PDB file of N, CA and C in Angstrom:
ATOM      1  N   UNK A   1      15.771 -20.800 -15.308  1.00  0.00           N
ATOM      2  CA  UNK A   1      14.643 -21.702 -15.266  1.00  0.00           C
ATOM      3  C   UNK A   1      13.743 -21.296 -14.103  1.00  0.00           C
ATOM      4  N   UNK A   2      12.472 -21.336 -14.350  1.00  0.00           N
ATOM      5  CA  UNK A   2      11.470 -21.047 -13.334  1.00  0.00           C
ATOM      6  C   UNK A   2      10.630 -22.298 -13.151  1.00  0.00           C
ATOM      7  N   UNK A   3      10.491 -22.752 -11.925  1.00  0.00           N
ATOM      8  CA  UNK A   3       9.590 -23.856 -11.628  1.00  0.00           C
ATOM      9  C   UNK A   3       8.680 -23.399 -10.515  1.00  0.00           C
ATOM     10  N   UNK A   4       7.397 -23.498 -10.738  1.00  0.00           N
ATOM     11  CA  UNK A   4       6.409 -23.063  -9.755  1.00  0.00           C
ATOM     12  C   UNK A   4       5.358 -24.153  -9.663  1.00  0.00           C
ATOM     13  N   UNK A   5       5.184 -24.710  -8.482  1.00  0.00           N
ATOM     14  CA  UNK A   5       4.159 -25.717  -8.268  1.00  0.00           C
ATOM     15  C   UNK A   5       3.029 -25.098  -7.464  1.00  0.00           C
ATOM     16  N   UNK A   6       1.826 -25.498  -7.726  1.00  0.00           N
ATOM     17  CA  UNK A   6       0.685 -24.965  -6.987  1.00  0.00           C
ATOM     18  C   UNK A   6      -0.364 -26.032  -6.800  1.00  0.00           C
ATOM     19  N   UNK A   7      -1.475 -25.641  -6.207  1.00  0.00           N
ATOM     20  CA  UNK A   7      -2.560 -26.580  -6.031  1.00  0.00           C
ATOM     21  C   UNK A   7      -2.994 -27.102  -7.388  1.00  0.00           C
ATOM     22  N   UNK A   8      -3.351 -28.337  -7.447  1.00  0.00           N
ATOM     23  CA  UNK A   8      -3.686 -28.941  -8.724  1.00  0.00           C
ATOM     24  C   UNK A   8      -2.465 -29.469  -9.447  1.00  0.00           C
ATOM     25  N   UNK A   9      -1.281 -29.219  -8.893  1.00  0.00           N
ATOM     26  CA  UNK A   9      -0.024 -29.731  -9.412  1.00  0.00           C
ATOM     27  C   UNK A   9       0.259 -29.360 -10.859  1.00  0.00           C
ATOM     28  N   UNK A  10       0.350 -28.080 -11.124  1.00  0.00           N
ATOM     29  CA  UNK A  10       0.811 -27.584 -12.424  1.00  0.00           C
ATOM     30  C   UNK A  10       2.251 -27.132 -12.258  1.00  0.00           C
ATOM     31  N   UNK A  11       3.056 -27.348 -13.263  1.00  0.00           N
ATOM     32  CA  UNK A  11       4.449 -26.925 -13.206  1.00  0.00           C
ATOM     33  C   UNK A  11       4.851 -26.327 -14.538  1.00  0.00           C
ATOM     34  N   UNK A  12       5.673 -25.299 -14.476  1.00  0.00           N
ATOM     35  CA  UNK A  12       6.223 -24.708 -15.681  1.00  0.00           C
ATOM     36  C   UNK A  12       7.722 -24.964 -15.649  1.00  0.00           C
ATOM     37  N   UNK A  13       8.231 -25.627 -16.693  1.00  0.00           N
ATOM     38  CA  UNK A  13       9.652 -25.958 -16.747  1.00  0.00           C
ATOM     39  C   UNK A  13      10.183 -25.613 -18.123  1.00  0.00           C
ATOM     40  N   UNK A  14      11.484 -25.719 -18.289  1.00  0.00           N
ATOM     41  CA  UNK A  14      12.136 -25.450 -19.573  1.00  0.00           C
ATOM     42  C   UNK A  14      11.756 -24.067 -20.095  1.00  0.00           C
ATOM     43  N   UNK A  15      11.836 -23.089 -19.226  1.00  0.00           N
ATOM     44  CA  UNK A  15      11.398 -21.736 -19.586  1.00  0.00           C
ATOM     45  C   UNK A  15      12.478 -20.958 -20.318  1.00  0.00           C
ATOM     46  N   UNK A  16      12.024 -20.163 -21.262  1.00  0.00           N
ATOM     47  CA  UNK A  16      12.883 -19.227 -21.957  1.00  0.00           C
ATOM     48  C   UNK A  16      12.486 -17.831 -21.497  1.00  0.00           C
ATOM     49  N   UNK A  17      13.427 -17.096 -20.926  1.00  0.00           N
ATOM     50  CA  UNK A  17      13.109 -15.772 -20.387  1.00  0.00           C
ATOM     51  C   UNK A  17      13.850 -14.697 -21.179  1.00  0.00           C
ATOM     52  N   UNK A  18      13.272 -14.256 -22.297  1.00  0.00           N
ATOM     53  CA  UNK A  18      13.952 -13.256 -23.121  1.00  0.00           C
ATOM     54  C   UNK A  18      13.935 -11.856 -22.529  1.00  0.00           C
ATOM     55  N   UNK A  19      13.085 -11.616 -21.546  1.00  0.00           N
ATOM     56  CA  UNK A  19      13.022 -10.270 -20.963  1.00  0.00           C
ATOM     57  C   UNK A  19      13.104 -10.361 -19.449  1.00  0.00           C
ATOM     58  N   UNK A  20      13.962  -9.575 -18.859  1.00  0.00           N
ATOM     59  CA  UNK A  20      14.030  -9.491 -17.407  1.00  0.00           C
ATOM     60  C   UNK A  20      14.562  -8.120 -17.036  1.00  0.00           C
ATOM     61  N   UNK A  21      14.283  -7.728 -15.824  1.00  0.00           N
ATOM     62  CA  UNK A  21      14.789  -6.446 -15.324  1.00  0.00           C
ATOM     63  C   UNK A  21      14.966  -6.554 -13.823  1.00  0.00           C
ATOM     64  N   UNK A  22      15.798  -5.681 -13.285  1.00  0.00           N
ATOM     65  CA  UNK A  22      15.952  -5.640 -11.829  1.00  0.00           C
ATOM     66  C   UNK A  22      16.214  -4.201 -11.409  1.00  0.00           C
ATOM     67  N   UNK A  23      15.807  -3.907 -10.209  1.00  0.00           N
ATOM     68  CA  UNK A  23      16.048  -2.603  -9.625  1.00  0.00           C
ATOM     69  C   UNK A  23      16.317  -2.825  -8.147  1.00  0.00           C
ATOM     70  N   UNK A  24      17.547  -2.599  -7.742  1.00  0.00           N
ATOM     71  CA  UNK A  24      17.988  -2.832  -6.365  1.00  0.00           C
ATOM     72  C   UNK A  24      17.688  -4.259  -5.933  1.00  0.00           C
ATOM     73  N   UNK A  25      16.658  -4.444  -5.127  1.00  0.00           N
ATOM     74  CA  UNK A  25      16.379  -5.750  -4.537  1.00  0.00           C
ATOM     75  C   UNK A  25      15.137  -6.426  -5.102  1.00  0.00           C
ATOM     76  N   UNK A  26      14.628  -5.945  -6.230  1.00  0.00           N
ATOM     77  CA  UNK A  26      13.456  -6.576  -6.829  1.00  0.00           C
ATOM     78  C   UNK A  26      13.697  -6.780  -8.327  1.00  0.00           C
ATOM     79  N   UNK A  27      12.876  -7.636  -8.914  1.00  0.00           N
ATOM     80  CA  UNK A  27      13.051  -7.900 -10.337  1.00  0.00           C
ATOM     81  C   UNK A  27      11.800  -8.467 -10.963  1.00  0.00           C
ATOM     82  N   UNK A  28      11.861  -8.612 -12.259  1.00  0.00           N
ATOM     83  CA  UNK A  28      10.755  -9.179 -13.031  1.00  0.00           C
ATOM     84  C   UNK A  28      11.336  -9.940 -14.211  1.00  0.00           C
ATOM     85  N   UNK A  29      10.593 -10.943 -14.647  1.00  0.00           N
ATOM     86  CA  UNK A  29      10.996 -11.732 -15.805  1.00  0.00           C
ATOM     87  C   UNK A  29       9.755 -12.107 -16.590  1.00  0.00           C
ATOM     88  N   UNK A  30       9.921 -12.238 -17.891  1.00  0.00           N
ATOM     89  CA  UNK A  30       8.818 -12.713 -18.719  1.00  0.00           C
ATOM     90  C   UNK A  30       9.394 -13.582 -19.820  1.00  0.00           C
ATOM     91  N   UNK A  31       8.581 -14.463 -20.315  1.00  0.00           N
ATOM     92  CA  UNK A  31       9.036 -15.358 -21.370  1.00  0.00           C
ATOM     93  C   UNK A  31       7.991 -16.413 -21.639  1.00  0.00           C
ATOM     94  N   UNK A  32       8.454 -17.580 -22.044  1.00  0.00           N
ATOM     95  CA  UNK A  32       7.550 -18.685 -22.321  1.00  0.00           C
ATOM     96  C   UNK A  32       8.212 -19.982 -21.906  1.00  0.00           C
ATOM     97  N   UNK A  33       7.411 -21.006 -21.747  1.00  0.00           N
ATOM     98  CA  UNK A  33       7.956 -22.287 -21.337  1.00  0.00           C
ATOM     99  C   UNK A  33       6.961 -23.403 -21.548  1.00  0.00           C
ATOM    100  N   UNK A  34       7.377 -24.595 -21.190  1.00  0.00           N
ATOM    101  CA  UNK A  34       6.530 -25.773 -21.285  1.00  0.00           C
ATOM    102  C   UNK A  34       5.738 -25.913 -19.990  1.00  0.00           C
ATOM    103  N   UNK A  35       4.434 -26.039 -20.094  1.00  0.00           N
ATOM    104  CA  UNK A  35       3.567 -26.166 -18.928  1.00  0.00           C
ATOM    105  C   UNK A  35       3.134 -27.619 -18.798  1.00  0.00           C
ATOM    106  N   UNK A  36       3.388 -28.198 -17.634  1.00  0.00           N
ATOM    107  CA  UNK A  36       3.054 -29.592 -17.356  1.00  0.00           C
ATOM    108  C   UNK A  36       1.997 -29.662 -16.271  1.00  0.00           C
ATOM    109  N   UNK A  37       1.253 -30.756 -16.222  1.00  0.00           N
ATOM    110  CA  UNK A  37       0.312 -31.011 -15.130  1.00  0.00           C
ATOM    111  C   UNK A  37       0.491 -32.446 -14.668  1.00  0.00           C
ATOM    112  N   UNK A  38       0.153 -32.682 -13.401  1.00  0.00           N
ATOM    113  CA  UNK A  38       0.337 -33.983 -12.779  1.00  0.00           C
ATOM    114  C   UNK A  38      -0.912 -34.835 -12.969  1.00  0.00           C
ATOM    115  N   UNK A  39      -0.732 -36.011 -13.590  1.00  0.00           N
ATOM    116  CA  UNK A  39      -1.832 -36.949 -13.796  1.00  0.00           C
ATOM    117  C   UNK A  39      -1.600 -38.148 -12.874  1.00  0.00           C
ATOM    118  N   UNK A  40      -2.341 -38.204 -11.787  1.00  0.00           N
ATOM    119  CA  UNK A  40      -2.170 -39.249 -10.772  1.00  0.00           C
ATOM    120  C   UNK A  40      -2.616 -40.624 -11.252  1.00  0.00           C
ATOM    121  N   UNK A  41      -3.295 -40.704 -12.393  1.00  0.00           N
ATOM    122  CA  UNK A  41      -3.771 -42.002 -12.884  1.00  0.00           C
ATOM    123  C   UNK A  41      -2.710 -42.753 -13.691  1.00  0.00           C
ATOM    124  N   UNK A  42      -1.643 -42.103 -14.102  1.00  0.00           N
ATOM    125  CA  UNK A  42      -0.610 -42.738 -14.913  1.00  0.00           C
ATOM    126  C   UNK A  42       0.299 -43.637 -14.069  1.00  0.00           C
ATOM    127  N   UNK A  43       1.049 -44.480 -14.742  1.00  0.00           N
ATOM    128  CA  UNK A  43       2.021 -45.369 -14.100  1.00  0.00           C
ATOM    129  C   UNK A  43       1.413 -46.216 -12.994  1.00  0.00           C
ATOM    130  N   UNK A  44       0.264 -46.796 -13.288  1.00  0.00           N
ATOM    131  CA  UNK A  44      -0.375 -47.679 -12.309  1.00  0.00           C
ATOM    132  C   UNK A  44      -0.784 -46.975 -11.037  1.00  0.00           C
ATOM    133  N   UNK A  45      -1.136 -45.698 -11.147  1.00  0.00           N
ATOM    134  CA  UNK A  45      -1.566 -44.926  -9.985  1.00  0.00           C
ATOM    135  C   UNK A  45      -0.451 -44.179  -9.281  1.00  0.00           C
ATOM    136  N   UNK A  46       0.795 -44.319  -9.751  1.00  0.00           N
ATOM    137  CA  UNK A  46       1.910 -43.577  -9.156  1.00  0.00           C
ATOM    138  C   UNK A  46       1.957 -42.144  -9.669  1.00  0.00           C
ATOM    139  N   UNK A  47       1.406 -41.919 -10.871  1.00  0.00           N
ATOM    140  CA  UNK A  47       1.349 -40.585 -11.453  1.00  0.00           C
ATOM    141  C   UNK A  47       2.577 -40.220 -12.263  1.00  0.00           C
ATOM    142  N   UNK A  48       2.424 -39.167 -13.073  1.00  0.00           N
ATOM    143  CA  UNK A  48       3.530 -38.653 -13.871  1.00  0.00           C
ATOM    144  C   UNK A  48       3.134 -37.287 -14.426  1.00  0.00           C
ATOM    145  N   UNK A  49       4.136 -36.505 -14.866  1.00  0.00           N
ATOM    146  CA  UNK A  49       3.907 -35.197 -15.475  1.00  0.00           C
ATOM    147  C   UNK A  49       3.497 -35.356 -16.927  1.00  0.00           C
ATOM    148  N   UNK A  50       2.503 -34.564 -17.357  1.00  0.00           N
ATOM    149  CA  UNK A  50       2.002 -34.591 -18.730  1.00  0.00           C
ATOM    150  C   UNK A  50       2.089 -33.166 -19.291  1.00  0.00           C
ATOM    151  N   UNK A  51       2.603 -33.047 -20.514  1.00  0.00           N
ATOM    152  CA  UNK A  51       2.716 -31.730 -21.150  1.00  0.00           C
ATOM    153  C   UNK A  51       1.327 -31.195 -21.478  1.00  0.00           C
ATOM    154  N   UNK A  52       1.010 -30.007 -20.950  1.00  0.00           N
ATOM    155  CA  UNK A  52      -0.250 -29.337 -21.281  1.00  0.00           C
ATOM    156  C   UNK A  52      -0.081 -28.555 -22.576  1.00  0.00           C
ATOM    157  N   UNK A  53       1.019 -27.802 -22.670  1.00  0.00           N
ATOM    158  CA  UNK A  53       1.300 -27.022 -23.881  1.00  0.00           C
ATOM    159  C   UNK A  53       2.731 -26.474 -23.824  1.00  0.00           C
ATOM    160  N   UNK A  54       3.354 -26.374 -24.985  1.00  0.00           N
ATOM    161  CA  UNK A  54       4.663 -25.726 -25.114  1.00  0.00           C
ATOM    162  C   UNK A  54       4.444 -24.260 -25.459  1.00  0.00           C
ATOM    163  N   UNK A  55       5.404 -23.436 -25.116  1.00  0.00           N
ATOM    164  CA  UNK A  55       5.355 -22.026 -25.490  1.00  0.00           C
ATOM    165  C   UNK A  55       4.333 -21.200 -24.738  1.00  0.00           C
ATOM    166  N   UNK A  56       4.043 -21.554 -23.488  1.00  0.00           N
ATOM    167  CA  UNK A  56       3.069 -20.820 -22.681  1.00  0.00           C
ATOM    168  C   UNK A  56       3.746 -19.573 -22.092  1.00  0.00           C
ATOM    169  N   UNK A  57       3.131 -18.411 -22.290  1.00  0.00           N
ATOM    170  CA  UNK A  57       3.695 -17.138 -21.815  1.00  0.00           C
ATOM    171  C   UNK A  57       3.498 -16.974 -20.309  1.00  0.00           C
ATOM    172  N   UNK A  58       4.476 -16.303 -19.658  1.00  0.00           N
ATOM    173  CA  UNK A  58       4.371 -16.011 -18.230  1.00  0.00           C
ATOM    174  C   UNK A  58       5.102 -14.714 -17.913  1.00  0.00           C
ATOM    175  N   UNK A  59       4.735 -14.117 -16.794  1.00  0.00           N
ATOM    176  CA  UNK A  59       5.482 -13.009 -16.202  1.00  0.00           C
ATOM    177  C   UNK A  59       5.638 -13.322 -14.721  1.00  0.00           C
ATOM    178  N   UNK A  60       6.772 -12.960 -14.161  1.00  0.00           N
ATOM    179  CA  UNK A  60       7.037 -13.212 -12.744  1.00  0.00           C
ATOM    180  C   UNK A  60       7.647 -11.956 -12.124  1.00  0.00           C
ATOM    181  N   UNK A  61       7.313 -11.728 -10.859  1.00  0.00           N
ATOM    182  CA  UNK A  61       7.884 -10.629 -10.079  1.00  0.00           C
ATOM    183  C   UNK A  61       8.444 -11.207  -8.794  1.00  0.00           C
ATOM    184  N   UNK A  62       9.572 -10.664  -8.347  1.00  0.00           N
ATOM    185  CA  UNK A  62      10.198 -11.193  -7.141  1.00  0.00           C
ATOM    186  C   UNK A  62      10.916 -10.092  -6.381  1.00  0.00           C
ATOM    187  N   UNK A  63      11.125 -10.348  -5.085  1.00  0.00           N
ATOM    188  CA  UNK A  63      11.755  -9.377  -4.187  1.00  0.00           C
ATOM    189  C   UNK A  63      12.699 -10.113  -3.255  1.00  0.00           C
ATOM    190  N   UNK A  64      13.907  -9.584  -3.081  1.00  0.00           N
ATOM    191  CA  UNK A  64      14.912 -10.146  -2.176  1.00  0.00           C
ATOM    192  C   UNK A  64      15.051  -9.216  -0.985  1.00  0.00           C
ATOM    193  N   UNK A  65      14.577  -9.659   0.168  1.00  0.00           N
ATOM    194  CA  UNK A  65      14.618  -8.830   1.381  1.00  0.00           C
ATOM    195  C   UNK A  65      16.012  -8.756   1.991  1.00  0.00           C
ATOM    196  N   UNK A  66      16.893  -9.649   1.578  1.00  0.00           N
ATOM    197  CA  UNK A  66      18.233  -9.694   2.157  1.00  0.00           C
ATOM    198  C   UNK A  66      18.312 -10.647   3.332  1.00  0.00           C
ATOM    199  N   UNK A  67      17.160 -11.032   3.878  1.00  0.00           N
ATOM    200  CA  UNK A  67      17.145 -11.993   4.979  1.00  0.00           C
ATOM    201  C   UNK A  67      17.285 -13.406   4.463  1.00  0.00           C
ATOM    202  N   UNK A  68      17.599 -14.311   5.379  1.00  0.00           N
ATOM    203  CA  UNK A  68      17.757 -15.717   4.996  1.00  0.00           C
ATOM    204  C   UNK A  68      16.939 -16.593   5.940  1.00  0.00           C
ATOM    205  N   UNK A  69      16.547 -17.735   5.441  1.00  0.00           N
ATOM    206  CA  UNK A  69      15.822 -18.700   6.264  1.00  0.00           C
ATOM    207  C   UNK A  69      14.480 -18.165   6.731  1.00  0.00           C
ATOM    208  N   UNK A  70      14.140 -18.457   7.971  1.00  0.00           N
ATOM    209  CA  UNK A  70      12.837 -18.065   8.518  1.00  0.00           C
ATOM    210  C   UNK A  70      12.695 -16.553   8.688  1.00  0.00           C
ATOM    211  N   UNK A  71      13.813 -15.819   8.684  1.00  0.00           N
ATOM    212  CA  UNK A  71      13.758 -14.359   8.825  1.00  0.00           C
ATOM    213  C   UNK A  71      13.557 -13.658   7.486  1.00  0.00           C
ATOM    214  N   UNK A  72      13.602 -14.413   6.404  1.00  0.00           N
ATOM    215  CA  UNK A  72      13.457 -13.840   5.072  1.00  0.00           C
ATOM    216  C   UNK A  72      12.012 -13.420   4.815  1.00  0.00           C
ATOM    217  N   UNK A  73      11.853 -12.280   4.164  1.00  0.00           N
ATOM    218  CA  UNK A  73      10.530 -11.836   3.724  1.00  0.00           C
ATOM    219  C   UNK A  73      10.511 -11.723   2.197  1.00  0.00           C
ATOM    220  N   UNK A  74      11.310 -12.579   1.529  1.00  0.00           N
ATOM    221  CA  UNK A  74      11.337 -12.607   0.068  1.00  0.00           C
ATOM    222  C   UNK A  74       9.955 -12.950  -0.470  1.00  0.00           C
ATOM    223  N   UNK A  75       9.643 -12.421  -1.659  1.00  0.00           N
ATOM    224  CA  UNK A  75       8.345 -12.703  -2.274  1.00  0.00           C
ATOM    225  C   UNK A  75       8.525 -13.160  -3.709  1.00  0.00           C
ATOM    226  N   UNK A  76       7.500 -13.834  -4.208  1.00  0.00           N
ATOM    227  CA  UNK A  76       7.473 -14.292  -5.591  1.00  0.00           C
ATOM    228  C   UNK A  76       6.027 -14.339  -6.049  1.00  0.00           C
ATOM    229  N   UNK A  77       5.771 -13.867  -7.274  1.00  0.00           N
ATOM    230  CA  UNK A  77       4.443 -13.947  -7.870  1.00  0.00           C
ATOM    231  C   UNK A  77       4.560 -14.259  -9.346  1.00  0.00           C
ATOM    232  N   UNK A  78       3.547 -14.909  -9.894  1.00  0.00           N
ATOM    233  CA  UNK A  78       3.613 -15.313 -11.303  1.00  0.00           C
ATOM    234  C   UNK A  78       2.235 -15.240 -11.950  1.00  0.00           C
ATOM    235  N   UNK A  79       2.221 -14.932 -13.232  1.00  0.00           N
ATOM    236  CA  UNK A  79       1.016 -14.967 -14.070  1.00  0.00           C
ATOM    237  C   UNK A  79       1.332 -15.846 -15.269  1.00  0.00           C
ATOM    238  N   UNK A  80       0.563 -16.916 -15.431  1.00  0.00           N
ATOM    239  CA  UNK A  80       0.716 -17.836 -16.551  1.00  0.00           C
ATOM    240  C   UNK A  80      -0.488 -17.640 -17.462  1.00  0.00           C
ATOM    241  N   UNK A  81      -0.227 -17.425 -18.750  1.00  0.00           N
ATOM    242  CA  UNK A  81      -1.298 -17.163 -19.706  1.00  0.00           C
ATOM    243  C   UNK A  81      -1.655 -18.480 -20.411  1.00  0.00           C
ATOM    244  N   UNK A  82      -2.670 -19.153 -19.873  1.00  0.00           N
ATOM    245  CA  UNK A  82      -3.106 -20.436 -20.412  1.00  0.00           C
ATOM    246  C   UNK A  82      -4.490 -20.748 -19.866  1.00  0.00           C
ATOM    247  N   UNK A  83      -5.327 -21.344 -20.683  1.00  0.00           N
ATOM    248  CA  UNK A  83      -6.648 -21.794 -20.237  1.00  0.00           C
ATOM    249  C   UNK A  83      -6.632 -23.315 -20.162  1.00  0.00           C
ATOM    250  N   UNK A  84      -6.663 -23.869 -18.934  1.00  0.00           N
ATOM    251  CA  UNK A  84      -6.609 -25.323 -18.786  1.00  0.00           C
ATOM    252  C   UNK A  84      -7.787 -26.020 -19.472  1.00  0.00           C
ATOM    253  N   UNK A  85      -7.522 -27.211 -19.979  1.00  0.00           N
ATOM    254  CA  UNK A  85      -8.547 -28.058 -20.570  1.00  0.00           C
ATOM    255  C   UNK A  85      -9.012 -28.995 -19.454  1.00  0.00           C
ATOM    256  N   UNK A  86     -10.108 -28.637 -18.822  1.00  0.00           N
ATOM    257  CA  UNK A  86     -10.562 -29.383 -17.648  1.00  0.00           C
ATOM    258  C   UNK A  86     -11.916 -30.024 -17.908  1.00  0.00           C
ATOM    259  N   UNK A  87     -12.116 -31.334 -17.595  1.00  0.00           N
ATOM    260  CA  UNK A  87     -11.027 -32.243 -17.245  1.00  0.00           C
ATOM    261  C   UNK A  87     -10.231 -32.636 -18.484  1.00  0.00           C
ATOM    262  N   UNK A  88      -9.114 -33.234 -18.391  1.00  0.00           N
ATOM    263  CA  UNK A  88      -8.500 -33.821 -17.212  1.00  0.00           C
ATOM    264  C   UNK A  88      -7.541 -32.880 -16.477  1.00  0.00           C
ATOM    265  N   UNK A  89      -7.164 -31.743 -17.091  1.00  0.00           N
ATOM    266  CA  UNK A  89      -6.199 -30.851 -16.438  1.00  0.00           C
ATOM    267  C   UNK A  89      -6.850 -30.154 -15.241  1.00  0.00           C
ATOM    268  N   UNK A  90      -6.046 -29.773 -14.239  1.00  0.00           N
ATOM    269  CA  UNK A  90      -6.591 -29.003 -13.115  1.00  0.00           C
ATOM    270  C   UNK A  90      -7.278 -27.748 -13.642  1.00  0.00           C
ATOM    271  N   UNK A  91      -8.347 -27.314 -12.984  1.00  0.00           N
ATOM    272  CA  UNK A  91      -9.153 -26.210 -13.516  1.00  0.00           C
ATOM    273  C   UNK A  91      -8.626 -24.825 -13.183  1.00  0.00           C
ATOM    274  N   UNK A  92      -7.504 -24.723 -12.477  1.00  0.00           N
ATOM    275  CA  UNK A  92      -6.954 -23.395 -12.185  1.00  0.00           C
ATOM    276  C   UNK A  92      -5.431 -23.424 -12.278  1.00  0.00           C
ATOM    277  N   UNK A  93      -4.860 -22.253 -12.484  1.00  0.00           N
ATOM    278  CA  UNK A  93      -3.414 -22.089 -12.557  1.00  0.00           C
ATOM    279  C   UNK A  93      -2.889 -21.556 -11.228  1.00  0.00           C
ATOM    280  N   UNK A  94      -1.604 -21.769 -10.939  1.00  0.00           N
ATOM    281  CA  UNK A  94      -1.044 -21.252  -9.684  1.00  0.00           C
ATOM    282  C   UNK A  94      -0.665 -19.774  -9.778  1.00  0.00           C
ATOM    283  N   UNK A  95      -1.477 -18.957 -10.462  1.00  0.00           N
ATOM    284  CA  UNK A  95      -1.199 -17.528 -10.578  1.00  0.00           C
ATOM    285  C   UNK A  95      -1.335 -16.866  -9.216  1.00  0.00           C
ATOM    286  N   UNK A  96      -0.487 -15.886  -8.944  1.00  0.00           N
ATOM    287  CA  UNK A  96      -0.583 -15.172  -7.676  1.00  0.00           C
ATOM    288  C   UNK A  96       0.127 -13.830  -7.752  1.00  0.00           C
ATOM    289  N   UNK A  97      -0.333 -12.898  -6.943  1.00  0.00           N
ATOM    290  CA  UNK A  97       0.419 -11.673  -6.712  1.00  0.00           C
ATOM    291  C   UNK A  97       1.643 -12.060  -5.902  1.00  0.00           C
ATOM    292  N   UNK A  98       2.672 -11.206  -5.855  1.00  0.00           N
ATOM    293  CA  UNK A  98       3.831 -11.554  -5.040  1.00  0.00           C
ATOM    294  C   UNK A  98       3.407 -11.870  -3.598  1.00  0.00           C
ATOM    295  N   UNK A  99       3.895 -12.993  -3.102  1.00  0.00           N
ATOM    296  CA  UNK A  99       3.578 -13.427  -1.752  1.00  0.00           C
ATOM    297  C   UNK A  99       4.826 -13.965  -1.080  1.00  0.00           C
ATOM    298  N   UNK A 100       4.892 -13.938   0.243  1.00  0.00           N
ATOM    299  CA  UNK A 100       6.083 -14.425   0.945  1.00  0.00           C
ATOM    300  C   UNK A 100       6.356 -15.894   0.642  1.00  0.00           C
ATOM    301  N   UNK A 101       7.627 -16.232   0.502  1.00  0.00           N
ATOM    302  CA  UNK A 101       8.016 -17.614   0.302  1.00  0.00           C
ATOM    303  C   UNK A 101       7.834 -18.395   1.590  1.00  0.00           C
ATOM    304  N   UNK A 102       7.455 -19.641   1.482  1.00  0.00           N
ATOM    305  CA  UNK A 102       7.326 -20.506   2.656  1.00  0.00           C
ATOM    306  C   UNK A 102       8.648 -21.227   2.918  1.00  0.00           C
ATOM    307  N   UNK A 103       9.568 -21.126   1.994  1.00  0.00           N
ATOM    308  CA  UNK A 103      10.887 -21.729   2.126  1.00  0.00           C
ATOM    309  C   UNK A 103      11.730 -21.267   0.950  1.00  0.00           C
ATOM    310  N   UNK A 104      13.013 -21.464   1.044  1.00  0.00           N
ATOM    311  CA  UNK A 104      13.901 -21.057  -0.040  1.00  0.00           C
ATOM    312  C   UNK A 104      14.307 -19.602   0.072  1.00  0.00           C
ATOM    313  N   UNK A 105      14.894 -19.090  -0.990  1.00  0.00           N
ATOM    314  CA  UNK A 105      15.446 -17.741  -0.955  1.00  0.00           C
ATOM    315  C   UNK A 105      15.476 -17.169  -2.373  1.00  0.00           C
ATOM    316  N   UNK A 106      15.158 -15.899  -2.513  1.00  0.00           N
ATOM    317  CA  UNK A 106      15.278 -15.190  -3.786  1.00  0.00           C
ATOM    318  C   UNK A 106      16.608 -14.449  -3.758  1.00  0.00           C
ATOM    319  N   UNK A 107      17.383 -14.585  -4.812  1.00  0.00           N
ATOM    320  CA  UNK A 107      18.649 -13.859  -4.947  1.00  0.00           C
ATOM    321  C   UNK A 107      18.553 -12.971  -6.173  1.00  0.00           C
ATOM    322  N   UNK A 108      18.659 -11.668  -5.976  1.00  0.00           N
ATOM    323  CA  UNK A 108      18.664 -10.709  -7.083  1.00  0.00           C
ATOM    324  C   UNK A 108      20.085 -10.156  -7.178  1.00  0.00           C
ATOM    325  N   UNK A 109      20.740 -10.414  -8.302  1.00  0.00           N
ATOM    326  CA  UNK A 109      22.125  -9.924  -8.451  1.00  0.00           C
ATOM    327  C   UNK A 109      22.386  -9.511  -9.873  1.00  0.00           C
TER     328      UNK A 109
END
């Protein structure tokens, strides 16, 4: 499962990853999943996740530096193939080239 949150609060969950590869300390995955967006107006202003579309294609690249915690230089990047319906959906996706994690750890095994 891949979950990636970004500005505008988009999330991809329930992913199916039929293709993946790894080489030493890096890897890549591709597949499809359900793409959700956060609607702050739901539940009396408390907000909730709303399905944008099922079967949205993505590719992800990641690197495991071997370090842990604040010394880690692990990276993660993702490309989601979807055109948001704005409004009400956020007008951009959290797509990015591989970038250092601000927390957590990538494990390639």
